Amino acid sequence: MASKIIGIAVLTAPQLANSDPSKESRLMYFDANFWIADSIQLLACVRYYNDMNHCFKQATTCVIEATIARMNMDPKFEGMELSEDERKEYQLVGQVNWLIPVNGTDPRSPPFIYVASIVKNAAKELATFSVEGSQWMHAFQHDQALAKLPVRVVILKNL
């Protein structure tokens, strides 16, 4: 089972992870902002290994693919600490698998969210069901039971 997000994101607040200050790190964390609809955004704290040495400015528009889980109060970030108040700002935590900088692109396109799981709570008359994707996440390596993304799906009848 898996949960991923693929789409255009604006990456802000880049931070190098410094678990060992004597070594140069390519491990980075970002705030990834996804536009879902007018005035609805998702904010994710994402981890990225910058193997291509991209130069990130304060705000960089990228197409990304990341594994994701719901943010909770117990993630462990290598080389970075978040206060409880900071963790409350995020809806998701993720690991970027790949990204392509595309500055100049309008970021207001909804992402594709992929959740593979067993359907629960199906209500045919309401055209709804729930799924809960599980995904191995570095931030939850201490307790993988926390790396879940619960989703309630509503099927619109006017399509």
Protein backbone atom coordinates (compact mmCIF):
# COMPACT_ATOMS: atom_id res chain seq x y z
CA MET A 1 0.00 0.00 0.00
CA ALA A 2 1.25 3.46 -0.74
CA SER A 3 0.46 7.15 -0.71
CA LYS A 4 2.11 9.64 -3.06
CA ILE A 5 1.57 13.14 -4.33
CA ILE A 6 2.61 14.26 -7.81
CA GLY A 7 2.23 17.83 -9.00
CA ILE A 8 3.38 21.41 -9.00
CA ALA A 9 4.54 22.72 -5.62
CA VAL A 10 6.15 25.91 -4.43
CA LEU A 11 9.09 24.96 -2.23
CA THR A 12 9.87 27.53 0.45
CA ALA A 13 11.99 27.77 3.60
CA PRO A 14 14.89 25.58 2.39
CA GLN A 15 17.02 24.23 5.25
CA LEU A 16 20.13 22.10 5.06
CA ALA A 17 20.10 19.23 7.54
CA ASN A 18 23.19 19.34 9.68
CA SER A 19 23.31 16.12 11.67
CA ASP A 20 27.12 16.30 11.45
CA PRO A 21 28.39 19.92 11.12
CA SER A 22 31.86 18.68 10.06
CA LYS A 23 30.42 17.31 6.80
CA GLU A 24 28.78 19.12 3.92
CA SER A 25 25.19 17.97 3.67
CA ARG A 26 22.99 17.62 0.59
CA LEU A 27 20.02 16.60 2.69
CA MET A 28 17.42 19.39 2.75
CA TYR A 29 13.98 20.11 4.13
CA PHE A 30 11.36 22.37 2.53
CA ASP A 31 7.86 23.60 3.02
CA ALA A 32 5.99 22.28 -0.03
CA ASN A 33 2.84 24.26 -0.86
CA PHE A 34 0.26 22.54 -3.09
CA TRP A 35 -2.82 24.32 -4.43
CA ILE A 36 -5.87 22.04 -4.19
CA ALA A 37 -8.51 24.63 -5.21
CA ASP A 38 -9.17 28.36 -4.81
CA SER A 39 -8.14 29.29 -1.24
CA ILE A 40 -7.38 25.65 -0.36
CA GLN A 41 -3.77 24.63 0.03
CA LEU A 42 -1.88 21.67 1.48
CA LEU A 43 1.37 22.32 3.33
CA ALA A 44 3.89 19.50 3.63
CA CYS A 45 7.27 19.31 5.34
CA VAL A 46 9.35 17.39 2.78
CA ARG A 47 12.80 15.84 2.92
CA TYR A 48 14.97 15.90 -0.21
CA TYR A 49 18.46 14.62 -1.00
CA ASN A 50 19.89 17.26 -3.36
CA ASP A 51 22.08 14.95 -5.45
CA MET A 52 22.06 17.37 -8.42
CA ASN A 53 23.14 20.34 -6.25
CA HIS A 54 20.18 22.48 -7.35
CA CYS A 55 20.36 26.05 -6.08
CA PHE A 56 17.14 26.76 -4.21
CA LYS A 57 16.00 30.31 -3.62
CA GLN A 58 13.48 31.34 -1.01
CA ALA A 59 10.59 30.18 -3.25
CA THR A 60 11.12 27.66 -6.07
CA THR A 61 8.31 26.23 -8.21
CA CYS A 62 8.88 22.55 -8.98
CA VAL A 63 7.08 19.50 -10.27
CA ILE A 64 7.62 16.88 -7.59
CA GLU A 65 6.78 13.31 -6.76
CA ALA A 66 6.86 12.48 -3.06
CA THR A 67 5.75 9.73 -0.73
CA ILE A 68 3.47 11.26 1.90
CA ALA A 69 1.77 10.62 5.23
CA ARG A 70 -0.37 12.71 7.54
CA MET A 71 1.70 14.91 9.86
CA ASN A 72 1.42 14.00 13.51
CA MET A 73 3.18 15.10 16.65
CA ASP A 74 6.00 12.52 16.59
CA PRO A 75 8.08 12.77 13.40
CA LYS A 76 11.87 12.47 13.65
CA PHE A 77 13.74 14.69 11.22
CA GLU A 78 17.43 14.00 10.70
CA GLY A 79 19.41 17.19 11.35
CA MET A 80 16.34 19.41 11.94
CA GLU A 81 14.05 20.08 14.87
CA LEU A 82 10.46 21.34 14.70
CA SER A 83 8.59 22.69 17.70
CA GLU A 84 5.09 21.44 18.47
CA ASP A 85 3.64 24.71 17.13
CA GLU A 86 5.64 24.33 13.89
CA ARG A 87 4.42 20.73 13.42
CA LYS A 88 0.80 21.92 13.74
CA GLU A 89 1.24 24.09 10.61
CA TYR A 90 1.69 21.04 8.35
CA GLN A 91 -0.96 18.67 7.03
CA LEU A 92 1.56 16.26 5.46
CA VAL A 93 5.11 15.01 5.87
CA GLY A 94 6.95 13.59 2.88
CA GLN A 95 10.04 12.33 1.13
CA VAL A 96 10.71 13.83 -2.31
CA ASN A 97 11.64 11.08 -4.77
CA TRP A 98 12.29 13.47 -7.67
CA LEU A 99 11.77 17.08 -8.56
CA ILE A 100 12.16 19.33 -11.59
CA PRO A 101 12.44 23.10 -11.06
CA VAL A 102 9.96 24.89 -13.35
CA ASN A 103 10.08 28.54 -12.30
CA GLY A 104 7.69 30.75 -14.22
CA THR A 105 4.95 28.07 -14.16
CA ASP A 106 1.61 28.93 -12.54
CA PRO A 107 1.58 26.74 -9.41
CA ARG A 108 -2.21 26.81 -9.03
CA SER A 109 -2.78 23.37 -10.56
CA PRO A 110 -4.09 20.66 -8.23
CA PRO A 111 -1.73 17.75 -7.64
CA PHE A 112 -2.47 14.09 -8.26
CA ILE A 113 -2.71 12.19 -4.96
CA TYR A 114 -2.29 8.42 -5.18
CA VAL A 115 -3.47 6.26 -2.28
CA ALA A 116 -3.44 2.47 -2.56
CA SER A 117 -5.30 0.69 0.20
CA ILE A 118 -8.30 -1.45 1.10
CA VAL A 119 -11.64 0.38 0.87
CA LYS A 120 -13.42 0.90 4.20
CA ASN A 121 -16.72 2.49 5.16
CA ALA A 122 -18.23 2.29 1.68
CA ALA A 123 -21.61 4.01 1.45
CA LYS A 124 -23.11 3.35 -1.97
CA GLU A 125 -26.12 5.64 -1.43
CA LEU A 126 -23.80 8.56 -0.47
CA ALA A 127 -21.18 7.64 -3.09
CA THR A 128 -18.39 7.78 -0.49
CA PHE A 129 -15.69 5.50 0.88
CA SER A 130 -12.53 5.74 2.98
CA VAL A 131 -8.99 4.48 2.46
CA GLU A 132 -5.88 4.76 4.60
CA GLY A 133 -2.58 4.52 2.76
CA SER A 134 0.53 3.35 4.59
CA GLN A 135 3.94 4.42 3.36
CA TRP A 136 7.46 3.87 4.71
CA MET A 137 8.67 7.33 5.76
CA HIS A 138 12.10 8.33 7.02
CA ALA A 139 10.48 10.73 9.51
CA PHE A 140 8.58 7.82 11.10
CA GLN A 141 11.25 5.11 10.90
CA HIS A 142 11.01 4.80 14.70
CA ASP A 143 7.26 3.90 14.45
CA GLN A 144 5.96 3.11 10.97
CA ALA A 145 2.40 2.76 12.31
CA LEU A 146 2.35 6.60 12.32
CA ALA A 147 3.06 6.85 8.56
CA LYS A 148 -0.52 6.81 7.32
CA LEU A 149 -2.66 9.01 5.11
CA PRO A 150 -6.39 8.67 5.79
CA VAL A 151 -8.59 9.85 2.89
CA ARG A 152 -12.36 10.10 2.53
CA VAL A 153 -13.43 9.91 -1.12
CA VAL A 154 -16.65 11.51 -2.41
CA ILE A 155 -17.68 10.59 -5.94
CA LEU A 156 -19.38 13.50 -7.61
CA LYS A 157 -22.51 12.44 -9.46
CA ASN A 158 -22.41 15.32 -11.97
CA LEU A 159 -19.34 14.19 -13.86
